[in-house]
C-alpha atoms as a PDB file:
ATOM      1  CA  MET A   1      65.631  90.704   7.651  1.00  0.00           C
ATOM      2  CA  LYS A   2      69.397  90.780   8.182  1.00  0.00           C
ATOM      3  CA  ASP A   3      70.824  87.848  10.148  1.00  0.00           C
ATOM      4  CA  THR A   4      73.002  90.241  12.164  1.00  0.00           C
ATOM      5  CA  MET A   5      70.110  92.477  13.192  1.00  0.00           C
ATOM      6  CA  PHE A   6      69.632  90.963  16.664  1.00  0.00           C
ATOM      7  CA  LEU A   7      73.161  90.095  17.756  1.00  0.00           C
ATOM      8  CA  TYR A   8      72.689  91.606  21.233  1.00  0.00           C
ATOM      9  CA  ALA A   9      69.412  89.772  21.716  1.00  0.00           C
ATOM     10  CA  VAL A  10      70.993  86.478  20.666  1.00  0.00           C
ATOM     11  CA  SER A  11      73.844  86.916  23.141  1.00  0.00           C
ATOM     12  CA  ARG A  12      71.267  87.673  25.856  1.00  0.00           C
ATOM     13  CA  VAL A  13      69.331  84.545  24.929  1.00  0.00           C
ATOM     14  CA  LYS A  14      72.452  82.374  25.136  1.00  0.00           C
ATOM     15  CA  ALA A  15      72.963  83.628  28.695  1.00  0.00           C
ATOM     16  CA  LEU A  16      69.307  83.055  29.633  1.00  0.00           C
ATOM     17  CA  GLU A  17      69.483  79.471  28.374  1.00  0.00           C
ATOM     18  CA  ASN A  18      71.729  78.705  31.352  1.00  0.00           C
ATOM     19  CA  ASN A  19      68.692  79.156  33.618  1.00  0.00           C
ATOM     20  CA  LEU A  20      66.564  76.563  31.826  1.00  0.00           C
ATOM     21  CA  LEU A  21      65.740  73.419  33.797  1.00  0.00           C
ATOM     22  CA  SER A  22      68.229  70.585  33.567  1.00  0.00           C
ATOM     23  CA  ARG A  23      67.284  66.972  33.058  1.00  0.00           C
ATOM     24  CA  SER A  24      68.588  66.136  36.537  1.00  0.00           C
ATOM     25  CA  THR A  25      66.245  68.685  38.136  1.00  0.00           C
ATOM     26  CA  VAL A  26      63.282  67.285  36.217  1.00  0.00           C
ATOM     27  CA  ASP A  27      64.228  63.750  37.322  1.00  0.00           C
ATOM     28  CA  ARG A  28      64.404  64.867  40.955  1.00  0.00           C
ATOM     29  CA  MET A  29      60.955  66.456  40.671  1.00  0.00           C
ATOM     30  CA  LEU A  30      59.590  63.263  39.157  1.00  0.00           C
ATOM     31  CA  GLU A  31      60.937  61.193  42.030  1.00  0.00           C
ATOM     32  CA  ALA A  32      59.662  63.586  44.727  1.00  0.00           C
ATOM     33  CA  GLY A  33      57.258  61.900  47.132  1.00  0.00           C
ATOM     34  CA  THR A  34      54.780  64.773  47.417  1.00  0.00           C
ATOM     35  CA  PRO A  35      53.759  67.939  45.511  1.00  0.00           C
ATOM     36  CA  ASP A  36      55.410  70.064  48.217  1.00  0.00           C
ATOM     37  CA  GLU A  37      58.704  68.207  47.783  1.00  0.00           C
ATOM     38  CA  ALA A  38      58.548  68.709  44.015  1.00  0.00           C
ATOM     39  CA  LEU A  39      57.840  72.413  44.516  1.00  0.00           C
ATOM     40  CA  LYS A  40      60.786  72.695  46.909  1.00  0.00           C
ATOM     41  CA  ILE A  41      63.106  71.252  44.234  1.00  0.00           C
ATOM     42  CA  LEU A  42      61.711  73.736  41.706  1.00  0.00           C
ATOM     43  CA  GLY A  43      62.398  76.509  44.209  1.00  0.00           C
ATOM     44  CA  GLU A  44      66.109  75.687  44.051  1.00  0.00           C
ATOM     45  CA  THR A  45      66.142  76.830  40.408  1.00  0.00           C
ATOM     46  CA  ASP A  46      65.547  80.202  38.798  1.00  0.00           C
ATOM     47  CA  TYR A  47      61.824  79.714  39.496  1.00  0.00           C
ATOM     48  CA  GLY A  48      62.538  80.284  43.186  1.00  0.00           C
ATOM     49  CA  ASN A  49      62.788  83.999  42.329  1.00  0.00           C
ATOM     50  CA  TYR A  50      59.047  83.973  41.563  1.00  0.00           C
ATOM     51  CA  PHE A  51      57.766  82.185  44.664  1.00  0.00           C
ATOM     52  CA  GLY A  52      56.644  85.391  46.390  1.00  0.00           C
ATOM     53  CA  GLU A  53      52.950  84.640  45.837  1.00  0.00           C
ATOM     54  CA  VAL A  54      53.279  80.850  45.961  1.00  0.00           C
ATOM     55  CA  ASP A  55      51.822  79.699  49.298  1.00  0.00           C
ATOM     56  CA  SER A  56      51.424  76.010  48.424  1.00  0.00           C
ATOM     57  CA  ALA A  57      52.021  73.466  45.667  1.00  0.00           C
ATOM     58  CA  TYR A  58      48.614  74.375  44.262  1.00  0.00           C
ATOM     59  CA  ASP A  59      49.870  77.891  43.478  1.00  0.00           C
ATOM     60  CA  PHE A  60      52.713  76.797  41.186  1.00  0.00           C
ATOM     61  CA  GLU A  61      51.053  78.422  38.139  1.00  0.00           C
ATOM     62  CA  LYS A  62      51.773  81.855  39.630  1.00  0.00           C
ATOM     63  CA  ALA A  63      55.517  81.196  39.424  1.00  0.00           C
ATOM     64  CA  LEU A  64      55.195  79.915  35.840  1.00  0.00           C
ATOM     65  CA  ASP A  65      53.280  83.029  34.759  1.00  0.00           C
ATOM     66  CA  GLN A  66      55.770  85.355  36.418  1.00  0.00           C
ATOM     67  CA  SER A  67      58.763  83.561  34.917  1.00  0.00           C
ATOM     68  CA  LEU A  68      57.237  83.793  31.444  1.00  0.00           C
ATOM     69  CA  ARG A  69      56.509  87.502  31.868  1.00  0.00           C
ATOM     70  CA  VAL A  70      60.128  88.156  32.882  1.00  0.00           C
ATOM     71  CA  ALA A  71      61.375  86.183  29.859  1.00  0.00           C
ATOM     72  CA  TYR A  72      59.113  88.150  27.528  1.00  0.00           C
ATOM     73  CA  LYS A  73      60.329  91.457  28.946  1.00  0.00           C
ATOM     74  CA  ALA A  74      63.962  90.395  28.499  1.00  0.00           C
ATOM     75  CA  ILE A  75      63.338  89.603  24.832  1.00  0.00           C
ATOM     76  CA  GLU A  76      61.403  92.822  24.213  1.00  0.00           C
ATOM     77  CA  ASP A  77      64.095  94.913  25.894  1.00  0.00           C
ATOM     78  CA  SER A  78      66.944  93.284  23.973  1.00  0.00           C
ATOM     79  CA  THR A  79      65.280  93.267  20.534  1.00  0.00           C
ATOM     80  CA  GLY A  80      63.189  96.428  20.734  1.00  0.00           C
ATOM     81  CA  ASP A  81      60.607  94.392  18.799  1.00  0.00           C
ATOM     82  CA  LYS A  82      57.424  93.100  20.439  1.00  0.00           C
ATOM     83  CA  ARG A  83      56.541  90.842  17.508  1.00  0.00           C
ATOM     84  CA  PHE A  84      58.704  88.036  18.899  1.00  0.00           C
ATOM     85  CA  THR A  85      56.989  87.863  22.264  1.00  0.00           C
ATOM     86  CA  LEU A  86      53.600  88.472  20.681  1.00  0.00           C
ATOM     87  CA  LEU A  87      54.116  85.204  18.807  1.00  0.00           C
ATOM     88  CA  SER A  88      54.206  83.527  22.229  1.00  0.00           C
ATOM     89  CA  ARG A  89      51.829  85.714  24.225  1.00  0.00           C
ATOM     90  CA  LEU A  90      48.908  85.649  21.794  1.00  0.00           C
ATOM     91  CA  LYS A  91      47.973  82.103  22.760  1.00  0.00           C
ATOM     92  CA  TYR A  92      47.351  83.310  26.327  1.00  0.00           C
ATOM     93  CA  ASP A  93      45.260  86.243  25.079  1.00  0.00           C
ATOM     94  CA  PHE A  94      43.067  83.933  23.023  1.00  0.00           C
ATOM     95  CA  HIS A  95      42.898  81.404  25.870  1.00  0.00           C
ATOM     96  CA  ASN A  96      41.672  84.143  28.200  1.00  0.00           C
ATOM     97  CA  LEU A  97      39.152  85.295  25.618  1.00  0.00           C
ATOM     98  CA  LYS A  98      37.756  81.736  25.435  1.00  0.00           C
ATOM     99  CA  VAL A  99      37.499  81.562  29.230  1.00  0.00           C
ATOM    100  CA  LEU A 100      35.853  84.961  29.604  1.00  0.00           C
ATOM    101  CA  MET A 101      33.320  84.309  26.850  1.00  0.00           C
ATOM    102  CA  LYS A 102      32.345  81.022  28.463  1.00  0.00           C
ATOM    103  CA  GLU A 103      32.056  82.715  31.860  1.00  0.00           C
ATOM    104  CA  LYS A 104      29.664  85.246  30.362  1.00  0.00           C
ATOM    105  CA  TYR A 105      27.582  82.809  28.330  1.00  0.00           C
ATOM    106  CA  LEU A 106      27.484  79.904  30.778  1.00  0.00           C
ATOM    107  CA  GLY A 107      27.386  81.853  34.041  1.00  0.00           C
ATOM    108  CA  GLU A 108      30.327  79.912  35.474  1.00  0.00           C
ATOM    109  CA  ASP A 109      33.427  81.082  37.356  1.00  0.00           C
ATOM    110  CA  TYR A 110      36.612  80.062  35.513  1.00  0.00           C
ATOM    111  CA  LYS A 111      38.968  82.704  36.899  1.00  0.00           C
ATOM    112  CA  SER A 112      41.292  80.022  38.298  1.00  0.00           C
ATOM    113  CA  ILE A 113      42.351  79.059  34.763  1.00  0.00           C
ATOM    114  CA  LEU A 114      42.979  82.571  33.461  1.00  0.00           C
ATOM    115  CA  SER A 115      46.581  83.384  32.531  1.00  0.00           C
ATOM    116  CA  HIS A 116      48.466  86.615  33.173  1.00  0.00           C
ATOM    117  CA  ALA A 117      51.188  85.838  30.617  1.00  0.00           C
ATOM    118  CA  GLY A 118      49.314  87.381  27.686  1.00  0.00           C
ATOM    119  CA  SER A 119      49.891  90.720  26.003  1.00  0.00           C
ATOM    120  CA  ILE A 120      46.466  92.060  27.049  1.00  0.00           C
ATOM    121  CA  SER A 121      45.479  92.427  30.692  1.00  0.00           C
ATOM    122  CA  VAL A 122      42.748  90.096  31.900  1.00  0.00           C
ATOM    123  CA  GLU A 123      40.818  93.114  33.200  1.00  0.00           C
ATOM    124  CA  ALA A 124      40.825  94.826  29.787  1.00  0.00           C
ATOM    125  CA  LEU A 125      39.620  91.662  28.074  1.00  0.00           C
ATOM    126  CA  ARG A 126      36.928  91.114  30.690  1.00  0.00           C
ATOM    127  CA  ARG A 127      35.583  94.657  30.209  1.00  0.00           C
ATOM    128  CA  ALA A 128      35.547  94.167  26.443  1.00  0.00           C
ATOM    129  CA  VAL A 129      33.632  90.892  26.700  1.00  0.00           C
ATOM    130  CA  ASP A 130      31.173  92.303  29.241  1.00  0.00           C
ATOM    131  CA  ASP A 131      30.558  95.359  27.050  1.00  0.00           C
ATOM    132  CA  LYS A 132      30.616  93.343  23.787  1.00  0.00           C
ATOM    133  CA  ASP A 133      33.040  95.960  22.492  1.00  0.00           C
ATOM    134  CA  MET A 134      36.406  94.982  21.017  1.00  0.00           C
ATOM    135  CA  VAL A 135      37.141  98.387  19.487  1.00  0.00           C
ATOM    136  CA  GLY A 136      40.833  99.160  19.914  1.00  0.00           C
ATOM    137  CA  PHE A 137      41.977  95.544  19.828  1.00  0.00           C
ATOM    138  CA  ALA A 138      43.941  94.013  16.947  1.00  0.00           C
ATOM    139  CA  PRO A 139      41.722  93.132  13.948  1.00  0.00           C
ATOM    140  CA  HIS A 140      42.349  89.375  14.261  1.00  0.00           C
ATOM    141  CA  ILE A 141      41.228  89.394  17.900  1.00  0.00           C
ATOM    142  CA  ARG A 142      38.204  91.584  17.245  1.00  0.00           C
ATOM    143  CA  GLU A 143      37.069  89.618  14.192  1.00  0.00           C
ATOM    144  CA  ALA A 144      37.514  86.237  15.902  1.00  0.00           C
ATOM    145  CA  TYR A 145      35.554  87.427  18.945  1.00  0.00           C
ATOM    146  CA  GLU A 146      32.705  88.800  16.831  1.00  0.00           C
ATOM    147  CA  LYS A 147      32.523  85.612  14.758  1.00  0.00           C
ATOM    148  CA  ALA A 148      32.481  83.411  17.892  1.00  0.00           C
ATOM    149  CA  ALA A 149      29.847  85.595  19.584  1.00  0.00           C
ATOM    150  CA  VAL A 150      27.516  85.465  16.584  1.00  0.00           C
ATOM    151  CA  ASP A 151      28.050  81.718  16.229  1.00  0.00           C
ATOM    152  CA  PHE A 152      27.186  81.113  19.895  1.00  0.00           C
ATOM    153  CA  ASP A 153      23.989  83.139  19.527  1.00  0.00           C
ATOM    154  CA  LEU A 154      23.042  80.861  16.610  1.00  0.00           C
ATOM    155  CA  ASN A 155      24.254  77.484  17.883  1.00  0.00           C
ATOM    156  CA  GLY A 156      24.659  77.776  21.653  1.00  0.00           C
ATOM    157  CA  ASP A 157      27.667  75.447  21.528  1.00  0.00           C
ATOM    158  CA  PRO A 158      30.634  76.579  23.694  1.00  0.00           C
ATOM    159  CA  GLN A 159      32.902  74.062  21.927  1.00  0.00           C
ATOM    160  CA  ARG A 160      32.606  76.129  18.768  1.00  0.00           C
ATOM    161  CA  ILE A 161      33.940  79.190  20.616  1.00  0.00           C
ATOM    162  CA  ASP A 162      37.242  77.327  21.021  1.00  0.00           C
ATOM    163  CA  MET A 163      37.310  76.295  17.365  1.00  0.00           C
ATOM    164  CA  ILE A 164      36.595  79.756  15.987  1.00  0.00           C
ATOM    165  CA  LEU A 165      39.049  81.511  18.307  1.00  0.00           C
ATOM    166  CA  ASP A 166      41.771  78.962  17.475  1.00  0.00           C
ATOM    167  CA  GLY A 167      41.288  79.826  13.816  1.00  0.00           C
ATOM    168  CA  GLY A 168      41.681  83.512  14.612  1.00  0.00           C
ATOM    169  CA  LEU A 169      44.774  82.877  16.732  1.00  0.00           C
ATOM    170  CA  TYR A 170      46.666  80.972  14.055  1.00  0.00           C
ATOM    171  CA  ALA A 171      45.667  83.397  11.302  1.00  0.00           C
ATOM    172  CA  TYR A 172      47.240  86.118  13.467  1.00  0.00           C
ATOM    173  CA  LEU A 173      50.349  84.022  14.253  1.00  0.00           C
ATOM    174  CA  LEU A 174      50.925  83.183  10.601  1.00  0.00           C
ATOM    175  CA  GLU A 175      50.572  86.833   9.599  1.00  0.00           C
ATOM    176  CA  LEU A 176      53.102  87.823  12.276  1.00  0.00           C
ATOM    177  CA  ALA A 177      55.549  85.123  11.171  1.00  0.00           C
ATOM    178  CA  LYS A 178      55.334  86.308   7.584  1.00  0.00           C
ATOM    179  CA  ASP A 179      55.795  89.889   8.753  1.00  0.00           C
ATOM    180  CA  VAL A 180      58.978  88.891  10.614  1.00  0.00           C
ATOM    181  CA  GLY A 181      60.058  87.279   7.356  1.00  0.00           C
ATOM    182  CA  ASP A 182      61.891  84.206   8.665  1.00  0.00           C
ATOM    183  CA  ASP A 183      61.260  80.978   6.730  1.00  0.00           C
ATOM    184  CA  GLY A 184      62.035  78.793   9.752  1.00  0.00           C
ATOM    185  CA  LEU A 185      59.471  80.610  11.868  1.00  0.00           C
ATOM    186  CA  ILE A 186      56.824  80.324   9.147  1.00  0.00           C
ATOM    187  CA  GLU A 187      57.545  76.596   8.853  1.00  0.00           C
ATOM    188  CA  PHE A 188      57.154  76.210  12.612  1.00  0.00           C
ATOM    189  CA  ILE A 189      53.705  77.864  12.674  1.00  0.00           C
ATOM    190  CA  ARG A 190      52.483  75.886   9.652  1.00  0.00           C
ATOM    191  CA  THR A 191      53.687  72.635  11.240  1.00  0.00           C
ATOM    192  CA  GLU A 192      51.910  73.493  14.490  1.00  0.00           C
ATOM    193  CA  ILE A 193      48.693  74.083  12.546  1.00  0.00           C
ATOM    194  CA  ASP A 194      48.964  70.667  10.873  1.00  0.00           C
ATOM    195  CA  LEU A 195      49.574  68.871  14.154  1.00  0.00           C
ATOM    196  CA  LEU A 196      46.582  70.570  15.780  1.00  0.00           C
ATOM    197  CA  ASN A 197      44.409  69.676  12.801  1.00  0.00           C
ATOM    198  CA  ILE A 198      45.447  66.008  12.958  1.00  0.00           C
ATOM    199  CA  ASN A 199      44.629  65.899  16.659  1.00  0.00           C
ATOM    200  CA  THR A 200      41.295  67.648  16.084  1.00  0.00           C
ATOM    201  CA  LEU A 201      40.368  65.213  13.344  1.00  0.00           C
ATOM    202  CA  LEU A 202      40.963  62.204  15.600  1.00  0.00           C
ATOM    203  CA  ARG A 203      39.047  63.703  18.518  1.00  0.00           C
ATOM    204  CA  ILE A 204      36.045  64.547  16.334  1.00  0.00           C
ATOM    205  CA  ARG A 205      36.046  61.042  14.863  1.00  0.00           C
ATOM    206  CA  LYS A 206      36.212  59.523  18.348  1.00  0.00           C
ATOM    207  CA  THR A 207      33.192  61.508  19.558  1.00  0.00           C
ATOM    208  CA  GLY A 208      31.183  60.815  16.418  1.00  0.00           C
ATOM    209  CA  GLY A 209      31.288  64.388  15.189  1.00  0.00           C
ATOM    210  CA  SER A 210      30.244  65.356  11.692  1.00  0.00           C
ATOM    211  CA  VAL A 211      32.218  66.421   8.648  1.00  0.00           C
ATOM    212  CA  LYS A 212      30.595  69.843   9.062  1.00  0.00           C
ATOM    213  CA  LEU A 213      32.006  70.130  12.586  1.00  0.00           C
ATOM    214  CA  LEU A 214      35.457  69.170  11.323  1.00  0.00           C
ATOM    215  CA  GLU A 215      35.267  71.812   8.604  1.00  0.00           C
ATOM    216  CA  THR A 216      34.516  74.415  11.287  1.00  0.00           C
ATOM    217  CA  ALA A 217      37.347  73.201  13.525  1.00  0.00           C
ATOM    218  CA  LEU A 218      40.123  72.915  10.933  1.00  0.00           C
ATOM    219  CA  ILE A 219      42.670  75.732  10.944  1.00  0.00           C
ATOM    220  CA  ASP A 220      43.871  77.061   7.605  1.00  0.00           C
ATOM    221  CA  GLY A 221      47.509  77.731   6.740  1.00  0.00           C
ATOM    222  CA  GLY A 222      49.258  74.403   7.311  1.00  0.00           C
ATOM    223  CA  PHE A 223      51.115  72.220   4.841  1.00  0.00           C
ATOM    224  CA  LEU A 224      48.306  69.639   4.638  1.00  0.00           C
ATOM    225  CA  ASP A 225      45.413  70.542   2.358  1.00  0.00           C
ATOM    226  CA  ARG A 226      42.027  70.903   3.996  1.00  0.00           C
ATOM    227  CA  SER A 227      40.664  68.360   1.494  1.00  0.00           C
ATOM    228  CA  PHE A 228      43.274  65.815   2.641  1.00  0.00           C
ATOM    229  CA  LEU A 229      41.901  66.005   6.187  1.00  0.00           C
ATOM    230  CA  VAL A 230      38.189  66.304   5.404  1.00  0.00           C
ATOM    231  CA  GLY A 231      38.433  63.368   3.004  1.00  0.00           C
ATOM    232  CA  SER A 232      39.745  61.123   5.772  1.00  0.00           C
ATOM    233  CA  MET A 233      36.431  61.254   7.638  1.00  0.00           C
ATOM    234  CA  GLY A 234      35.056  58.681   5.210  1.00  0.00           C
ATOM    235  CA  GLU A 235      37.885  56.157   5.565  1.00  0.00           C
ATOM    236  CA  PRO A 236      39.291  53.957   8.346  1.00  0.00           C
ATOM    237  CA  VAL A 237      41.739  55.673  10.704  1.00  0.00           C
ATOM    238  CA  GLY A 238      44.402  53.179   9.587  1.00  0.00           C
ATOM    239  CA  SER A 239      44.039  54.344   5.988  1.00  0.00           C
ATOM    240  CA  PHE A 240      44.464  57.947   7.088  1.00  0.00           C
ATOM    241  CA  ALA A 241      47.640  56.937   8.958  1.00  0.00           C
ATOM    242  CA  ASP A 242      48.952  55.224   5.818  1.00  0.00           C
ATOM    243  CA  ARG A 243      48.404  58.333   3.727  1.00  0.00           C
ATOM    244  CA  LEU A 244      49.912  60.547   6.418  1.00  0.00           C
ATOM    245  CA  SER A 245      53.026  58.362   6.624  1.00  0.00           C
ATOM    246  CA  SER A 246      54.060  59.550   3.157  1.00  0.00           C
ATOM    247  CA  THR A 247      54.119  63.185   4.351  1.00  0.00           C
ATOM    248  CA  ARG A 248      56.488  65.035   6.693  1.00  0.00           C
ATOM    249  CA  TYR A 249      54.499  63.566   9.604  1.00  0.00           C
ATOM    250  CA  ASP A 250      55.546  59.933   9.243  1.00  0.00           C
ATOM    251  CA  ARG A 251      56.379  59.481  12.959  1.00  0.00           C
ATOM    252  CA  VAL A 252      53.068  61.063  13.930  1.00  0.00           C
ATOM    253  CA  ALA A 253      51.346  58.493  11.730  1.00  0.00           C
ATOM    254  CA  VAL A 254      53.402  55.440  12.677  1.00  0.00           C
ATOM    255  CA  GLU A 255      53.503  55.984  16.449  1.00  0.00           C
ATOM    256  CA  GLY A 256      50.906  58.607  17.362  1.00  0.00           C
ATOM    257  CA  ILE A 257      47.940  57.414  15.331  1.00  0.00           C
ATOM    258  CA  ALA A 258      48.869  53.767  15.899  1.00  0.00           C
ATOM    259  CA  SER A 259      48.587  54.436  19.637  1.00  0.00           C
ATOM    260  CA  PHE A 260      45.244  56.175  19.090  1.00  0.00           C
ATOM    261  CA  ILE A 261      43.940  53.131  17.213  1.00  0.00           C
ATOM    262  CA  ASP A 262      45.061  50.825  20.042  1.00  0.00           C
ATOM    263  CA  THR A 263      43.967  52.942  23.018  1.00  0.00           C
ATOM    264  CA  GLY A 264      41.500  55.556  21.797  1.00  0.00           C
ATOM    265  CA  SER A 265      43.723  58.194  23.420  1.00  0.00           C
ATOM    266  CA  THR A 266      45.684  61.025  21.774  1.00  0.00           C
ATOM    267  CA  THR A 267      48.220  61.198  24.641  1.00  0.00           C
ATOM    268  CA  VAL A 268      51.093  59.661  22.646  1.00  0.00           C
ATOM    269  CA  LEU A 269      50.203  61.716  19.574  1.00  0.00           C
ATOM    270  CA  GLU A 270      50.311  64.932  21.611  1.00  0.00           C
ATOM    271  CA  LYS A 271      53.694  64.047  23.113  1.00  0.00           C
ATOM    272  CA  ILE A 272      55.173  63.218  19.690  1.00  0.00           C
ATOM    273  CA  SER A 273      53.747  66.459  18.292  1.00  0.00           C
ATOM    274  CA  ASP A 274      55.245  68.552  21.099  1.00  0.00           C
ATOM    275  CA  ASP A 275      58.629  66.839  20.737  1.00  0.00           C
ATOM    276  CA  LEU A 276      58.586  67.403  16.975  1.00  0.00           C
ATOM    277  CA  LEU A 277      57.977  71.125  17.492  1.00  0.00           C
ATOM    278  CA  LEU A 278      60.648  71.340  20.170  1.00  0.00           C
ATOM    279  CA  ASN A 279      63.186  69.681  17.870  1.00  0.00           C
ATOM    280  CA  MET A 280      62.379  72.327  15.263  1.00  0.00           C
ATOM    281  CA  ALA A 281      62.856  75.052  17.886  1.00  0.00           C
ATOM    282  CA  LYS A 282      66.230  73.537  18.863  1.00  0.00           C
ATOM    283  CA  ARG A 283      67.665  74.760  15.572  1.00  0.00           C
ATOM    284  CA  GLY A 284      67.937  78.087  17.368  1.00  0.00           C
ATOM    285  CA  LYS A 285      70.082  76.547  20.084  1.00  0.00           C
ATOM    286  CA  TYR A 286      72.859  75.907  17.573  1.00  0.00           C
ATOM    287  CA  ALA A 287      72.534  79.143  15.571  1.00  0.00           C
ATOM    288  CA  ALA A 288      74.903  82.021  16.322  1.00  0.00           C
ATOM    289  CA  PHE A 289      72.702  84.792  14.949  1.00  0.00           C
ATOM    290  CA  GLY A 290      69.372  85.474  13.292  1.00  0.00           C
ATOM    291  CA  VAL A 291      65.803  85.058  14.506  1.00  0.00           C
ATOM    292  CA  LEU A 292      65.859  81.350  15.366  1.00  0.00           C
ATOM    293  CA  PRO A 293      67.818  81.600  18.665  1.00  0.00           C
ATOM    294  CA  ILE A 294      65.237  84.081  19.964  1.00  0.00           C
ATOM    295  CA  ILE A 295      62.260  81.985  18.890  1.00  0.00           C
ATOM    296  CA  GLY A 296      63.963  78.828  20.121  1.00  0.00           C
ATOM    297  CA  TYR A 297      64.426  80.256  23.607  1.00  0.00           C
ATOM    298  CA  LEU A 298      60.808  81.404  23.824  1.00  0.00           C
ATOM    299  CA  LYS A 299      59.586  77.969  22.746  1.00  0.00           C
ATOM    300  CA  ALA A 300      61.950  76.396  25.289  1.00  0.00           C
ATOM    301  CA  LYS A 301      60.360  78.471  28.071  1.00  0.00           C
ATOM    302  CA  GLU A 302      56.854  77.484  26.974  1.00  0.00           C
ATOM    303  CA  ASN A 303      57.834  73.820  26.791  1.00  0.00           C
ATOM    304  CA  GLU A 304      59.497  74.032  30.208  1.00  0.00           C
ATOM    305  CA  ALA A 305      56.305  75.449  31.710  1.00  0.00           C
ATOM    306  CA  LYS A 306      54.376  72.556  30.175  1.00  0.00           C
ATOM    307  CA  VAL A 307      56.812  70.025  31.689  1.00  0.00           C
ATOM    308  CA  ILE A 308      56.565  71.621  35.152  1.00  0.00           C
ATOM    309  CA  ARG A 309      52.774  71.771  34.914  1.00  0.00           C
ATOM    310  CA  MET A 310      52.592  68.092  33.969  1.00  0.00           C
ATOM    311  CA  ILE A 311      54.800  67.062  36.899  1.00  0.00           C
ATOM    312  CA  MET A 312      53.019  69.228  39.482  1.00  0.00           C
ATOM    313  CA  VAL A 313      49.526  68.205  38.370  1.00  0.00           C
ATOM    314  CA  GLY A 314      50.719  64.592  38.348  1.00  0.00           C
ATOM    315  CA  LYS A 315      52.071  64.893  41.888  1.00  0.00           C
ATOM    316  CA  ILE A 316      48.878  66.563  43.109  1.00  0.00           C
ATOM    317  CA  ASN A 317      46.849  63.705  41.600  1.00  0.00           C
ATOM    318  CA  LYS A 318      49.283  61.044  42.869  1.00  0.00           C
ATOM    319  CA  ILE A 319      50.219  59.735  39.440  1.00  0.00           C
ATOM    320  CA  PRO A 320      53.241  57.373  39.681  1.00  0.00           C
ATOM    321  CA  ALA A 321      56.601  58.748  38.516  1.00  0.00           C
ATOM    322  CA  GLU A 322      57.026  56.062  35.839  1.00  0.00           C
ATOM    323  CA  ILE A 323      53.738  57.029  34.186  1.00  0.00           C
ATOM    324  CA  LEU A 324      54.616  60.723  34.303  1.00  0.00           C
ATOM    325  CA  ARG A 325      58.027  59.995  32.787  1.00  0.00           C
ATOM    326  CA  GLU A 326      56.390  58.237  29.816  1.00  0.00           C
ATOM    327  CA  ARG A 327      54.196  61.257  29.154  1.00  0.00           C
ATOM    328  CA  LEU A 328      56.845  63.896  29.723  1.00  0.00           C
ATOM    329  CA  ARG A 329      57.991  66.134  26.875  1.00  0.00           C
ATOM    330  CA  ASP A 330      61.609  66.470  25.825  1.00  0.00           C
ATOM    331  CA  LEU A 331      63.726  69.382  27.099  1.00  0.00           C
ATOM    332  CA  TYR A 332      65.451  72.117  25.103  1.00  0.00           C
ATOM    333  CA  VAL A 333      68.733  71.847  27.001  1.00  0.00           C
END
């Protein structure tokens, strides 16, 4: 792909970056006394344009969804290529598929956690799940659904739905990245796979899960060999951290896994992982052309939504500002 192919899109992205949240706005939201005060501060930013359906602080997700949809449309219009936004929107499609399958199998109502930022309407996915018919959907979505449905019939374990669909999602993302043909984008997806696998490994160990469960949960396509991860189930977590410290994930090992050993929590690991990915995405911030500025902006929007969500949920649950600040992800700007 020619570096100069998306010059208009890159110039559009550079303009859109001016609407990203500033550190000062995030700090003001952190210091707000109530969820409503935090939401009011958010309303002073570009997100205020999407407050039409937001009646209270508990509705903040509606503004996040709408802002993401507008960002995706801007990228699609300026590139004429839906592959870029599909790389971001697929995670919401697969999330919705998980939710809808669990609704059907468990008889529960999870509509409050459905997202409208995906590339497939929630209604279309719901009909497909209800009818057990994924004809017309992309092969990766159809195959992942069918595999998860058969597995649930055999095992009755909703946790395995998540694992199988995650595998389908990242197989699709990696294929898209290779189709786009940008080495930086491929590296990003492979790194994300590794970080998810490391987190999964620690969570399965903590809950006493089996090697067989880990083998089901691991996602293929990362830089770390599957055998490297499976083999760690038979050794102390500290030994796994030592081996990991000699790879590209030294900070994950030194700080993230060390914190897990001390606390039994993956909170620090998840923050370090998100910051690592954001730093990779920031390469696009300093590029004048090519694919990376486009991908970087999309990742910045996703990260921003995660930061807002963390603050708002924290305010709703009355978590002190200093604790939220420790957990908060870095910003793209």
